PDB file of N, CA and C in Angstrom:
ATOM      1  N   MET A   1      43.538 -10.629  53.496  1.00  0.00           N
ATOM      2  CA  MET A   1      42.350 -11.114  53.733  1.00  0.00           C
ATOM      3  C   MET A   1      41.417 -10.086  53.275  1.00  0.00           C
ATOM      4  N   ALA A   2      41.750  -9.031  53.878  1.00  0.00           N
ATOM      5  CA  ALA A   2      40.606  -7.798  53.451  1.00  0.00           C
ATOM      6  C   ALA A   2      40.742  -7.552  52.129  1.00  0.00           C
ATOM      7  N   VAL A   3      41.868  -7.445  51.422  1.00  0.00           N
ATOM      8  CA  VAL A   3      41.982  -7.043  50.044  1.00  0.00           C
ATOM      9  C   VAL A   3      40.952  -8.194  49.144  1.00  0.00           C
ATOM     10  N   LEU A   4      41.033  -9.590  49.501  1.00  0.00           N
ATOM     11  CA  LEU A   4      40.302 -10.505  48.668  1.00  0.00           C
ATOM     12  C   LEU A   4      38.829 -10.323  48.952  1.00  0.00           C
ATOM     13  N   ARG A   5      38.587  -9.909  50.179  1.00  0.00           N
ATOM     14  CA  ARG A   5      37.125  -9.669  50.428  1.00  0.00           C
ATOM     15  C   ARG A   5      36.644  -8.593  49.645  1.00  0.00           C
ATOM     16  N   ALA A   6      37.295  -7.354  49.587  1.00  0.00           N
ATOM     17  CA  ALA A   6      36.841  -6.236  48.806  1.00  0.00           C
ATOM     18  C   ALA A   6      36.747  -6.682  47.365  1.00  0.00           C
ATOM     19  N   GLN A   7      37.984  -7.509  46.959  1.00  0.00           N
ATOM     20  CA  GLN A   7      37.650  -8.016  45.401  1.00  0.00           C
ATOM     21  C   GLN A   7      36.270  -8.878  45.217  1.00  0.00           C
ATOM     22  N   MET A   8      36.143  -9.668  46.279  1.00  0.00           N
ATOM     23  CA  MET A   8      35.038 -10.392  46.078  1.00  0.00           C
ATOM     24  C   MET A   8      33.743  -9.667  46.034  1.00  0.00           C
ATOM     25  N   GLU A   9      33.494  -8.714  46.706  1.00  0.00           N
ATOM     26  CA  GLU A   9      32.261  -7.726  46.998  1.00  0.00           C
ATOM     27  C   GLU A   9      32.245  -7.019  45.662  1.00  0.00           C
ATOM     28  N   LEU A  10      33.484  -6.550  44.975  1.00  0.00           N
ATOM     29  CA  LEU A  10      33.449  -5.786  43.666  1.00  0.00           C
ATOM     30  C   LEU A  10      33.002  -6.836  42.638  1.00  0.00           C
ATOM     31  N   TYR A  11      33.535  -8.097  42.656  1.00  0.00           N
ATOM     32  CA  TYR A  11      33.185  -9.093  41.546  1.00  0.00           C
ATOM     33  C   TYR A  11      31.614  -9.369  41.758  1.00  0.00           C
ATOM     34  N   CYS A  12      31.314  -9.684  42.899  1.00  0.00           N
ATOM     35  CA  CYS A  12      29.733  -9.889  43.076  1.00  0.00           C
ATOM     36  C   CYS A  12      28.801  -8.793  42.674  1.00  0.00           C
ATOM     37  N   SER A  13      29.145  -7.480  42.969  1.00  0.00           N
ATOM     38  CA  SER A  13      28.241  -6.310  42.475  1.00  0.00           C
ATOM     39  C   SER A  13      28.476  -6.149  41.023  1.00  0.00           C
ATOM     40  N   ASP A  14      29.374  -6.523  40.343  1.00  0.00           N
ATOM     41  CA  ASP A  14      29.674  -6.442  39.197  1.00  0.00           C
ATOM     42  C   ASP A  14      28.747  -7.661  38.372  1.00  0.00           C
ATOM     43  N   PHE A  15      28.813  -8.681  39.001  1.00  0.00           N
ATOM     44  CA  PHE A  15      27.930  -9.843  38.341  1.00  0.00           C
ATOM     45  C   PHE A  15      26.479  -9.390  38.438  1.00  0.00           C
ATOM     46  N   HIS A  16      25.907  -9.128  39.526  1.00  0.00           N
ATOM     47  CA  HIS A  16      24.489  -8.626  39.820  1.00  0.00           C
ATOM     48  C   HIS A  16      24.152  -7.348  38.897  1.00  0.00           C
ATOM     49  N   ALA A  17      25.283  -6.744  38.450  1.00  0.00           N
ATOM     50  CA  ALA A  17      24.812  -5.499  37.697  1.00  0.00           C
ATOM     51  C   ALA A  17      24.630  -5.800  36.169  1.00  0.00           C
ATOM     52  N   GLU A  18      25.417  -6.740  35.888  1.00  0.00           N
ATOM     53  CA  GLU A  18      25.254  -7.393  34.348  1.00  0.00           C
ATOM     54  C   GLU A  18      23.990  -8.266  34.342  1.00  0.00           C
ATOM     55  N   ARG A  19      23.995  -8.908  35.333  1.00  0.00           N
ATOM     56  CA  ARG A  19      22.708  -9.917  35.447  1.00  0.00           C
ATOM     57  C   ARG A  19      21.414  -8.914  35.302  1.00  0.00           C
ATOM     58  N   ALA A  20      21.283  -7.870  35.729  1.00  0.00           N
ATOM     59  CA  ALA A  20      20.259  -6.893  35.818  1.00  0.00           C
ATOM     60  C   ALA A  20      20.150  -6.289  34.648  1.00  0.00           C
ATOM     61  N   ALA A  21      21.199  -5.922  33.940  1.00  0.00           N
ATOM     62  CA  ALA A  21      21.213  -5.236  32.464  1.00  0.00           C
ATOM     63  C   ALA A  21      20.860  -6.402  31.384  1.00  0.00           C
ATOM     64  N   ARG A  22      21.179  -7.623  31.707  1.00  0.00           N
ATOM     65  CA  ARG A  22      20.808  -8.650  30.799  1.00  0.00           C
ATOM     66  C   ARG A  22      19.385  -9.033  30.732  1.00  0.00           C
ATOM     67  N   GLU A  23      18.620  -9.026  32.105  1.00  0.00           N
ATOM     68  CA  GLU A  23      17.357  -9.135  32.161  1.00  0.00           C
ATOM     69  C   GLU A  23      16.448  -7.917  31.667  1.00  0.00           C
ATOM     70  N   LYS A  24      17.012  -6.617  31.998  1.00  0.00           N
ATOM     71  CA  LYS A  24      16.353  -5.689  31.338  1.00  0.00           C
ATOM     72  C   LYS A  24      16.346  -5.524  29.759  1.00  0.00           C
ATOM     73  N   ILE A  25      17.463  -6.056  29.056  1.00  0.00           N
ATOM     74  CA  ILE A  25      17.542  -6.349  27.849  1.00  0.00           C
ATOM     75  C   ILE A  25      16.465  -7.298  27.235  1.00  0.00           C
ATOM     76  N   HIS A  26      16.474  -8.381  27.886  1.00  0.00           N
ATOM     77  CA  HIS A  26      15.622  -9.375  27.630  1.00  0.00           C
ATOM     78  C   HIS A  26      14.289  -8.881  27.601  1.00  0.00           C
ATOM     79  N   GLU A  27      13.727  -8.028  28.376  1.00  0.00           N
ATOM     80  CA  GLU A  27      12.593  -7.859  28.701  1.00  0.00           C
ATOM     81  C   GLU A  27      12.207  -6.807  27.618  1.00  0.00           C
ATOM     82  N   GLU A  28      13.103  -5.781  27.223  1.00  0.00           N
ATOM     83  CA  GLU A  28      13.086  -5.032  26.020  1.00  0.00           C
ATOM     84  C   GLU A  28      12.883  -5.918  24.828  1.00  0.00           C
ATOM     85  N   LYS A  29      13.545  -6.788  24.578  1.00  0.00           N
ATOM     86  CA  LYS A  29      13.571  -7.662  23.317  1.00  0.00           C
ATOM     87  C   LYS A  29      12.187  -8.186  23.409  1.00  0.00           C
ATOM     88  N   GLU A  30      11.590  -8.580  24.216  1.00  0.00           N
ATOM     89  CA  GLU A  30      10.111  -9.300  24.479  1.00  0.00           C
ATOM     90  C   GLU A  30       9.248  -8.352  24.046  1.00  0.00           C
ATOM     91  N   GLN A  31       9.434  -6.949  24.665  1.00  0.00           N
ATOM     92  CA  GLN A  31       8.606  -5.993  24.201  1.00  0.00           C
ATOM     93  C   GLN A  31       8.482  -5.541  22.762  1.00  0.00           C
ATOM     94  N   LEU A  32       9.498  -5.466  22.386  1.00  0.00           N
ATOM     95  CA  LEU A  32       9.515  -5.203  20.768  1.00  0.00           C
ATOM     96  C   LEU A  32       9.333  -6.260  20.005  1.00  0.00           C
ATOM     97  N   ALA A  33       9.313  -7.667  20.547  1.00  0.00           N
ATOM     98  CA  ALA A  33       8.821  -8.646  19.617  1.00  0.00           C
ATOM     99  C   ALA A  33       7.228  -8.495  19.670  1.00  0.00           C
ATOM    100  N   VAL A  34       6.818  -8.064  20.698  1.00  0.00           N
ATOM    101  CA  VAL A  34       5.170  -8.189  20.825  1.00  0.00           C
ATOM    102  C   VAL A  34       4.661  -6.952  19.758  1.00  0.00           C
ATOM    103  N   GLN A  35       5.334  -5.861  19.934  1.00  0.00           N
ATOM    104  CA  GLN A  35       5.377  -4.463  19.147  1.00  0.00           C
ATOM    105  C   GLN A  35       5.479  -5.069  17.636  1.00  0.00           C
ATOM    106  N   LEU A  36       6.395  -5.635  17.244  1.00  0.00           N
ATOM    107  CA  LEU A  36       6.573  -6.135  15.841  1.00  0.00           C
ATOM    108  C   LEU A  36       5.393  -7.044  15.471  1.00  0.00           C
ATOM    109  N   ALA A  37       5.100  -8.201  16.346  1.00  0.00           N
ATOM    110  CA  ALA A  37       3.891  -8.881  15.723  1.00  0.00           C
ATOM    111  C   ALA A  37       2.537  -7.837  15.819  1.00  0.00           C
ATOM    112  N   TYR A  38       2.367  -6.969  16.443  1.00  0.00           N
ATOM    113  CA  TYR A  38       1.201  -6.127  16.401  1.00  0.00           C
ATOM    114  C   TYR A  38       1.399  -5.290  14.843  1.00  0.00           C
ATOM    115  N   LEU A  39       2.389  -4.503  14.736  1.00  0.00           N
ATOM    116  CA  LEU A  39       2.401  -3.908  13.625  1.00  0.00           C
ATOM    117  C   LEU A  39       2.239  -4.556  12.378  1.00  0.00           C
ATOM    118  N   LEU A  40       3.051  -5.904  12.351  1.00  0.00           N
ATOM    119  CA  LEU A  40       2.699  -6.809  11.033  1.00  0.00           C
ATOM    120  C   LEU A  40       1.358  -6.905  10.865  1.00  0.00           C
ATOM    121  N   LYS A  41       0.512  -7.688  12.100  1.00  0.00           N
ATOM    122  CA  LYS A  41      -0.599  -7.752  11.904  1.00  0.00           C
ATOM    123  C   LYS A  41      -1.549  -6.410  11.478  1.00  0.00           C
ATOM    124  N   ASP A  42      -1.249  -5.177  11.776  1.00  0.00           N
ATOM    125  CA  ASP A  42      -2.046  -4.056  11.550  1.00  0.00           C
ATOM    126  C   ASP A  42      -1.736  -3.827  10.008  1.00  0.00           C
ATOM    127  N   GLN A  43      -0.341  -4.023   9.507  1.00  0.00           N
ATOM    128  CA  GLN A  43       0.135  -3.879   8.200  1.00  0.00           C
ATOM    129  C   GLN A  43      -0.759  -5.076   7.213  1.00  0.00           C
ATOM    130  N   SER A  44      -0.934  -5.834   7.749  1.00  0.00           N
ATOM    131  CA  SER A  44      -1.629  -7.047   6.780  1.00  0.00           C
ATOM    132  C   SER A  44      -2.996  -6.646   6.907  1.00  0.00           C
ATOM    133  N   ASN A  45      -3.659  -6.034   7.854  1.00  0.00           N
ATOM    134  CA  ASN A  45      -4.917  -5.565   7.922  1.00  0.00           C
ATOM    135  C   ASN A  45      -5.256  -4.528   6.766  1.00  0.00           C
ATOM    136  N   LEU A  46      -4.434  -3.571   6.810  1.00  0.00           N
ATOM    137  CA  LEU A  46      -4.436  -2.259   5.981  1.00  0.00           C
ATOM    138  C   LEU A  46      -3.952  -2.766   4.621  1.00  0.00           C
ATOM    139  N   GLU A  47      -3.373  -3.739   4.296  1.00  0.00           N
ATOM    140  CA  GLU A  47      -3.030  -4.263   3.060  1.00  0.00           C
ATOM    141  C   GLU A  47      -4.408  -4.886   2.411  1.00  0.00           C
ATOM    142  N   ASP A  48      -4.997  -5.674   3.258  1.00  0.00           N
ATOM    143  CA  ASP A  48      -6.273  -6.395   3.030  1.00  0.00           C
ATOM    144  C   ASP A  48      -7.311  -5.427   2.820  1.00  0.00           C
ATOM    145  N   LEU A  49      -7.397  -4.211   3.573  1.00  0.00           N
ATOM    146  CA  LEU A  49      -8.214  -3.334   3.452  1.00  0.00           C
ATOM    147  C   LEU A  49      -7.995  -2.446   2.017  1.00  0.00           C
ATOM    148  N   GLY A  50      -6.838  -2.343   1.784  1.00  0.00           N
ATOM    149  CA  GLY A  50      -6.368  -1.795   0.388  1.00  0.00           C
ATOM    150  C   GLY A  50      -6.831  -2.500  -0.805  1.00  0.00           C
ATOM    151  N   ARG A  51      -6.654  -3.763  -0.975  1.00  0.00           N
ATOM    152  CA  ARG A  51      -7.062  -4.578  -1.804  1.00  0.00           C
ATOM    153  C   ARG A  51      -8.629  -4.847  -1.931  1.00  0.00           C
ATOM    154  N   ASN A  52      -9.250  -4.721  -0.740  1.00  0.00           N
ATOM    155  CA  ASN A  52     -10.961  -4.666  -0.946  1.00  0.00           C
ATOM    156  C   ASN A  52     -11.381  -3.516  -1.529  1.00  0.00           C
ATOM    157  N   SER A  53     -10.813  -2.257  -0.912  1.00  0.00           N
ATOM    158  CA  SER A  53     -11.062  -0.929  -1.634  1.00  0.00           C
ATOM    159  C   SER A  53     -10.883  -0.925  -3.076  1.00  0.00           C
ATOM    160  N   LEU A  54      -9.615  -1.582  -3.599  1.00  0.00           N
ATOM    161  CA  LEU A  54      -9.423  -1.545  -4.950  1.00  0.00           C
ATOM    162  C   LEU A  54     -10.437  -2.443  -5.802  1.00  0.00           C
ATOM    163  N   VAL A  55     -10.677  -3.577  -5.287  1.00  0.00           N
ATOM    164  CA  VAL A  55     -11.619  -4.618  -5.679  1.00  0.00           C
ATOM    165  C   VAL A  55     -13.090  -3.873  -6.012  1.00  0.00           C
ATOM    166  N   GLU A  56     -13.428  -3.033  -4.793  1.00  0.00           N
ATOM    167  CA  GLU A  56     -14.713  -2.292  -4.850  1.00  0.00           C
ATOM    168  C   GLU A  56     -14.691  -1.291  -5.637  1.00  0.00           C
ATOM    169  N   MET A  57     -13.706  -0.641  -6.092  1.00  0.00           N
ATOM    170  CA  MET A  57     -13.556   0.495  -6.905  1.00  0.00           C
ATOM    171  C   MET A  57     -13.571  -0.216  -8.303  1.00  0.00           C
ATOM    172  N   GLN A  58     -12.805  -1.301  -8.709  1.00  0.00           N
ATOM    173  CA  GLN A  58     -13.191  -1.708  -9.735  1.00  0.00           C
ATOM    174  C   GLN A  58     -14.472  -2.128 -10.377  1.00  0.00           C
ATOM    175  N   SER A  59     -14.947  -2.809  -9.219  1.00  0.00           N
ATOM    176  CA  SER A  59     -16.533  -3.345  -9.415  1.00  0.00           C
ATOM    177  C   SER A  59     -17.443  -2.067  -9.492  1.00  0.00           C
ATOM    178  N   ARG A  60     -17.135  -1.126  -8.895  1.00  0.00           N
ATOM    179  CA  ARG A  60     -17.955  -0.070  -9.162  1.00  0.00           C
ATOM    180  C   ARG A  60     -17.812   0.771 -10.574  1.00  0.00           C
ATOM    181  N   HIS A  61     -16.526   0.891 -10.897  1.00  0.00           N
ATOM    182  CA  HIS A  61     -16.123   1.505 -12.317  1.00  0.00           C
ATOM    183  C   HIS A  61     -16.215   0.680 -13.417  1.00  0.00           C
ATOM    184  N   GLY A  62     -15.787  -0.641 -13.141  1.00  0.00           N
ATOM    185  CA  GLY A  62     -15.649  -1.515 -13.958  1.00  0.00           C
ATOM    186  C   GLY A  62     -14.346  -1.248 -14.705  1.00  0.00           C
ATOM    187  N   ALA A  63     -13.618  -2.516 -14.708  1.00  0.00           N
ATOM    188  CA  ALA A  63     -12.181  -2.235 -15.614  1.00  0.00           C
ATOM    189  C   ALA A  63     -12.623  -2.426 -17.065  1.00  0.00           C
ATOM    190  N   ARG A  64     -12.332  -1.304 -17.737  1.00  0.00           N
ATOM    191  CA  ARG A  64     -12.288  -1.052 -19.193  1.00  0.00           C
ATOM    192  C   ARG A  64     -11.405  -1.897 -20.029  1.00  0.00           C
ATOM    193  N   THR A  65     -11.671  -2.634 -20.975  1.00  0.00           N
ATOM    194  CA  THR A  65     -10.655  -3.236 -21.883  1.00  0.00           C
ATOM    195  C   THR A  65     -10.788  -2.373 -23.337  1.00  0.00           C
ATOM    196  N   SER A  66      -9.929  -2.899 -24.086  1.00  0.00           N
ATOM    197  CA  SER A  66      -9.794  -2.241 -25.605  1.00  0.00           C
ATOM    198  C   SER A  66     -11.215  -2.606 -26.203  1.00  0.00           C
ATOM    199  N   LEU A  67     -11.767  -3.899 -25.991  1.00  0.00           N
ATOM    200  CA  LEU A  67     -12.860  -4.106 -26.611  1.00  0.00           C
ATOM    201  C   LEU A  67     -14.049  -3.258 -26.306  1.00  0.00           C
ATOM    202  N   ASP A  68     -14.092  -2.708 -24.945  1.00  0.00           N
ATOM    203  CA  ASP A  68     -15.080  -1.692 -24.088  1.00  0.00           C
ATOM    204  C   ASP A  68     -15.115  -0.628 -24.962  1.00  0.00           C
ATOM    205  N   ARG A  69     -13.701  -0.104 -25.259  1.00  0.00           N
ATOM    206  CA  ARG A  69     -13.585   1.294 -25.986  1.00  0.00           C
ATOM    207  C   ARG A  69     -14.270   1.176 -27.316  1.00  0.00           C
ATOM    208  N   GLU A  70     -14.149   0.224 -28.020  1.00  0.00           N
ATOM    209  CA  GLU A  70     -14.789   0.140 -29.452  1.00  0.00           C
ATOM    210  C   GLU A  70     -16.379   0.063 -29.438  1.00  0.00           C
ATOM    211  N   ARG A  71     -16.773  -0.437 -28.059  1.00  0.00           N
ATOM    212  CA  ARG A  71     -18.152  -0.415 -28.173  1.00  0.00           C
ATOM    213  C   ARG A  71     -18.891   0.972 -27.529  1.00  0.00           C
ATOM    214  N   LEU A  72     -18.138   1.950 -27.074  1.00  0.00           N
ATOM    215  CA  LEU A  72     -18.269   3.174 -26.565  1.00  0.00           C
ATOM    216  C   LEU A  72     -19.123   3.945 -27.463  1.00  0.00           C
ATOM    217  N   PRO A  73     -20.402   4.654 -27.368  1.00  0.00           N
ATOM    218  CA  PRO A  73     -20.846   5.418 -28.142  1.00  0.00           C
ATOM    219  C   PRO A  73     -20.514   6.566 -28.725  1.00  0.00           C
ATOM    220  N   HIS A  74     -20.330   6.985 -30.018  1.00  0.00           N
ATOM    221  CA  HIS A  74     -19.871   8.310 -30.654  1.00  0.00           C
ATOM    222  C   HIS A  74     -20.776   9.200 -30.289  1.00  0.00           C
ATOM    223  N   LEU A  75     -20.397  10.237 -30.108  1.00  0.00           N
ATOM    224  CA  LEU A  75     -21.462  11.568 -29.646  1.00  0.00           C
ATOM    225  C   LEU A  75     -21.746  12.031 -31.373  1.00  0.00           C
ATOM    226  N   VAL A  76     -22.836  12.311 -31.437  1.00  0.00           N
ATOM    227  CA  VAL A  76     -23.248  12.970 -32.917  1.00  0.00           C
ATOM    228  C   VAL A  76     -23.869  14.349 -32.569  1.00  0.00           C
ATOM    229  N   ARG A  77     -23.384  15.434 -33.397  1.00  0.00           N
ATOM    230  CA  ARG A  77     -23.776  16.612 -33.126  1.00  0.00           C
ATOM    231  C   ARG A  77     -25.300  16.683 -33.784  1.00  0.00           C
ATOM    232  N   ARG A  78     -26.056  17.321 -33.176  1.00  0.00           N
ATOM    233  CA  ARG A  78     -27.477  17.584 -34.048  1.00  0.00           C
ATOM    234  C   ARG A  78     -27.324  18.686 -34.431  1.00  0.00           C
ATOM    235  N   GLY A  79     -28.315  19.128 -35.643  1.00  0.00           N
ATOM    236  CA  GLY A  79     -28.459  20.357 -36.280  1.00  0.00           C
ATOM    237  C   GLY A  79     -27.945  20.266 -37.696  1.00  0.00           C
ATOM    238  N   THR A  80     -27.491  21.334 -38.105  1.00  0.00           N
ATOM    239  CA  THR A  80     -26.994  21.343 -39.418  1.00  0.00           C
ATOM    240  C   THR A  80     -25.688  20.469 -39.629  1.00  0.00           C
ATOM    241  N   GLY A  81     -25.689  19.857 -40.818  1.00  0.00           N
ATOM    242  CA  GLY A  81     -24.261  19.109 -41.119  1.00  0.00           C
ATOM    243  C   GLY A  81     -24.403  17.638 -41.048  1.00  0.00           C
ATOM    244  N   GLY A  82     -24.812  17.364 -39.774  1.00  0.00           N
ATOM    245  CA  GLY A  82     -24.990  15.978 -38.929  1.00  0.00           C
ATOM    246  C   GLY A  82     -23.685  15.500 -38.990  1.00  0.00           C
ATOM    247  N   GLN A  83     -22.579  16.105 -39.061  1.00  0.00           N
ATOM    248  CA  GLN A  83     -21.034  15.360 -38.921  1.00  0.00           C
ATOM    249  C   GLN A  83     -21.085  14.577 -37.890  1.00  0.00           C
ATOM    250  N   ASP A  84     -20.017  13.690 -37.839  1.00  0.00           N
ATOM    251  CA  ASP A  84     -19.828  12.985 -36.534  1.00  0.00           C
ATOM    252  C   ASP A  84     -18.790  13.763 -35.577  1.00  0.00           C
ATOM    253  N   TRP A  85     -19.420  13.963 -34.326  1.00  0.00           N
ATOM    254  CA  TRP A  85     -18.395  14.866 -33.388  1.00  0.00           C
ATOM    255  C   TRP A  85     -17.899  13.877 -32.555  1.00  0.00           C
ATOM    256  N   GLN A  86     -16.674  13.530 -32.837  1.00  0.00           N
ATOM    257  CA  GLN A  86     -15.772  12.730 -31.873  1.00  0.00           C
ATOM    258  C   GLN A  86     -15.779  13.076 -30.503  1.00  0.00           C
ATOM    259  N   GLN A  87     -15.396  12.443 -29.533  1.00  0.00           N
ATOM    260  CA  GLN A  87     -15.305  13.038 -28.376  1.00  0.00           C
ATOM    261  C   GLN A  87     -13.937  13.532 -27.890  1.00  0.00           C
ATOM    262  N   SER A  88     -13.465  14.423 -28.835  1.00  0.00           N
ATOM    263  CA  SER A  88     -12.369  15.226 -28.420  1.00  0.00           C
ATOM    264  C   SER A  88     -12.593  16.299 -27.554  1.00  0.00           C
ATOM    265  N   ASN A  89     -13.866  16.743 -27.566  1.00  0.00           N
ATOM    266  CA  ASN A  89     -14.045  17.999 -26.767  1.00  0.00           C
ATOM    267  C   ASN A  89     -14.345  17.578 -25.460  1.00  0.00           C
ATOM    268  N   ILE A  90     -14.354  16.319 -25.012  1.00  0.00           N
ATOM    269  CA  ILE A  90     -14.623  15.942 -23.804  1.00  0.00           C
ATOM    270  C   ILE A  90     -13.394  15.265 -23.240  1.00  0.00           C
ATOM    271  N   PRO A  91     -12.893  15.635 -21.931  1.00  0.00           N
ATOM    272  CA  PRO A  91     -11.580  15.429 -21.427  1.00  0.00           C
ATOM    273  C   PRO A  91     -11.530  13.926 -21.350  1.00  0.00           C
ATOM    274  N   MET A  92     -10.312  13.369 -21.980  1.00  0.00           N
ATOM    275  CA  MET A  92     -10.203  12.050 -22.198  1.00  0.00           C
ATOM    276  C   MET A  92      -9.045  11.697 -21.156  1.00  0.00           C
ATOM    277  N   HIS A  93      -8.701  10.353 -20.640  1.00  0.00           N
ATOM    278  CA  HIS A  93      -7.710  10.212 -19.918  1.00  0.00           C
ATOM    279  C   HIS A  93      -7.147   8.918 -20.569  1.00  0.00           C
ATOM    280  N   SER A  94      -5.900   8.804 -21.009  1.00  0.00           N
ATOM    281  CA  SER A  94      -5.289   7.612 -21.592  1.00  0.00           C
ATOM    282  C   SER A  94      -4.169   7.330 -20.870  1.00  0.00           C
ATOM    283  N   CYS A  95      -3.958   5.755 -21.065  1.00  0.00           N
ATOM    284  CA  CYS A  95      -2.784   5.304 -20.422  1.00  0.00           C
ATOM    285  C   CYS A  95      -1.315   5.600 -20.865  1.00  0.00           C
ATOM    286  N   PRO A  96      -0.545   5.940 -20.080  1.00  0.00           N
ATOM    287  CA  PRO A  96       0.799   6.284 -20.472  1.00  0.00           C
ATOM    288  C   PRO A  96       1.536   5.387 -20.969  1.00  0.00           C
ATOM    289  N   LYS A  97       1.414   4.105 -20.846  1.00  0.00           N
ATOM    290  CA  LYS A  97       2.073   2.875 -21.351  1.00  0.00           C
ATOM    291  C   LYS A  97       1.464   2.534 -22.643  1.00  0.00           C
ATOM    292  N   CYS A  98       0.248   2.112 -22.716  1.00  0.00           N
ATOM    293  CA  CYS A  98      -0.310   1.537 -23.922  1.00  0.00           C
ATOM    294  C   CYS A  98      -1.180   2.525 -24.606  1.00  0.00           C
ATOM    295  N   GLY A  99      -1.733   3.496 -23.992  1.00  0.00           N
ATOM    296  CA  GLY A  99      -2.390   4.561 -24.874  1.00  0.00           C
ATOM    297  C   GLY A  99      -4.084   4.575 -24.807  1.00  0.00           C
ATOM    298  N   GLU A 100      -4.348   3.441 -24.111  1.00  0.00           N
ATOM    299  CA  GLU A 100      -5.615   3.352 -24.079  1.00  0.00           C
ATOM    300  C   GLU A 100      -6.537   4.618 -23.480  1.00  0.00           C
ATOM    301  N   ILE A 101      -7.588   4.844 -24.079  1.00  0.00           N
ATOM    302  CA  ILE A 101      -8.395   6.028 -23.558  1.00  0.00           C
ATOM    303  C   ILE A 101      -9.395   5.527 -22.674  1.00  0.00           C
ATOM    304  N   LEU A 102      -9.597   6.123 -21.573  1.00  0.00           N
ATOM    305  CA  LEU A 102     -10.367   5.614 -20.490  1.00  0.00           C
ATOM    306  C   LEU A 102     -11.511   6.815 -20.207  1.00  0.00           C
ATOM    307  N   PRO A 103     -12.545   6.506 -19.820  1.00  0.00           N
ATOM    308  CA  PRO A 103     -13.586   7.567 -19.550  1.00  0.00           C
ATOM    309  C   PRO A 103     -13.475   8.638 -18.228  1.00  0.00           C
ATOM    310  N   ASP A 104     -12.933   7.826 -17.201  1.00  0.00           N
ATOM    311  CA  ASP A 104     -12.375   8.589 -15.996  1.00  0.00           C
ATOM    312  C   ASP A 104     -11.458   8.454 -15.244  1.00  0.00           C
ATOM    313  N   ILE A 105     -10.763   9.260 -14.283  1.00  0.00           N
ATOM    314  CA  ILE A 105      -9.545   9.007 -13.542  1.00  0.00           C
ATOM    315  C   ILE A 105      -9.570   7.748 -12.665  1.00  0.00           C
ATOM    316  N   ASP A 106     -10.440   7.412 -12.008  1.00  0.00           N
ATOM    317  CA  ASP A 106     -10.563   6.378 -11.332  1.00  0.00           C
ATOM    318  C   ASP A 106     -10.165   5.085 -12.058  1.00  0.00           C
ATOM    319  N   THR A 107     -11.185   4.777 -13.331  1.00  0.00           N
ATOM    320  CA  THR A 107     -10.925   3.702 -14.274  1.00  0.00           C
ATOM    321  C   THR A 107      -9.458   3.847 -14.843  1.00  0.00           C
ATOM    322  N   LEU A 108      -8.757   4.725 -15.056  1.00  0.00           N
ATOM    323  CA  LEU A 108      -7.625   5.105 -15.483  1.00  0.00           C
ATOM    324  C   LEU A 108      -6.467   4.417 -14.460  1.00  0.00           C
ATOM    325  N   GLN A 109      -6.684   4.960 -13.348  1.00  0.00           N
ATOM    326  CA  GLN A 109      -5.909   4.344 -12.144  1.00  0.00           C
ATOM    327  C   GLN A 109      -6.014   3.008 -12.173  1.00  0.00           C
ATOM    328  N   ILE A 110      -7.129   2.302 -11.912  1.00  0.00           N
ATOM    329  CA  ILE A 110      -7.313   0.915 -11.911  1.00  0.00           C
ATOM    330  C   ILE A 110      -6.414   0.408 -13.109  1.00  0.00           C
ATOM    331  N   HIS A 111      -6.724   0.783 -14.295  1.00  0.00           N
ATOM    332  CA  HIS A 111      -6.044   0.417 -15.828  1.00  0.00           C
ATOM    333  C   HIS A 111      -4.691   0.198 -15.505  1.00  0.00           C
ATOM    334  N   VAL A 112      -4.070   1.537 -15.298  1.00  0.00           N
ATOM    335  CA  VAL A 112      -2.627   1.917 -15.211  1.00  0.00           C
ATOM    336  C   VAL A 112      -1.834   0.752 -14.129  1.00  0.00           C
ATOM    337  N   MET A 113      -2.578   0.448 -13.101  1.00  0.00           N
ATOM    338  CA  MET A 113      -2.141  -0.584 -11.921  1.00  0.00           C
ATOM    339  C   MET A 113      -1.916  -1.883 -12.708  1.00  0.00           C
ATOM    340  N   ASP A 114      -3.068  -2.243 -13.641  1.00  0.00           N
ATOM    341  CA  ASP A 114      -3.147  -3.578 -14.234  1.00  0.00           C
ATOM    342  C   ASP A 114      -2.191  -3.621 -15.273  1.00  0.00           C
ATOM    343  N   CYS A 115      -2.215  -2.521 -16.216  1.00  0.00           N
ATOM    344  CA  CYS A 115      -1.230  -2.318 -17.302  1.00  0.00           C
ATOM    345  C   CYS A 115       0.267  -2.312 -16.749  1.00  0.00           C
ATOM    346  N   ILE A 116       0.710  -1.839 -15.698  1.00  0.00           N
ATOM    347  CA  ILE A 116       2.153  -1.718 -15.538  1.00  0.00           C
ATOM    348  C   ILE A 116       2.546  -3.060 -15.136  1.00  0.00           C
ATOM    349  N   ILE A 117       1.695  -3.679 -14.461  1.00  0.00           N
ATOM    350  CA  ILE A 117       1.881  -5.182 -13.787  1.00  0.00           C
ATOM    351  C   ILE A 117       1.962  -6.183 -14.664  1.00  0.00           C
TER     352      ILE A 117
END
């Protein structure tokens, strides 16, 4: 009888230990789910902020098209000769994919993002 009582106490303690472990795992799982929801919301907010800043940059610098490039004024050197001085002495930024020449680095970055996609 004493052996059976010892086995019962052992089984009972194992049962309670397993139950406590399952409860702890369940609590950790709930905490991780809350953290995941928070991180997903934070990521969404950051993506929205990134899109908004891109739109703001595009509106500030204006996305240039190939038609805009044709309308850009050519610089003319004043003085003797009156020869057209192309913008070759001014640093230009060109798209690596289509070769379009853009006036500044911000406009180039916006164009490349649109051109690649």
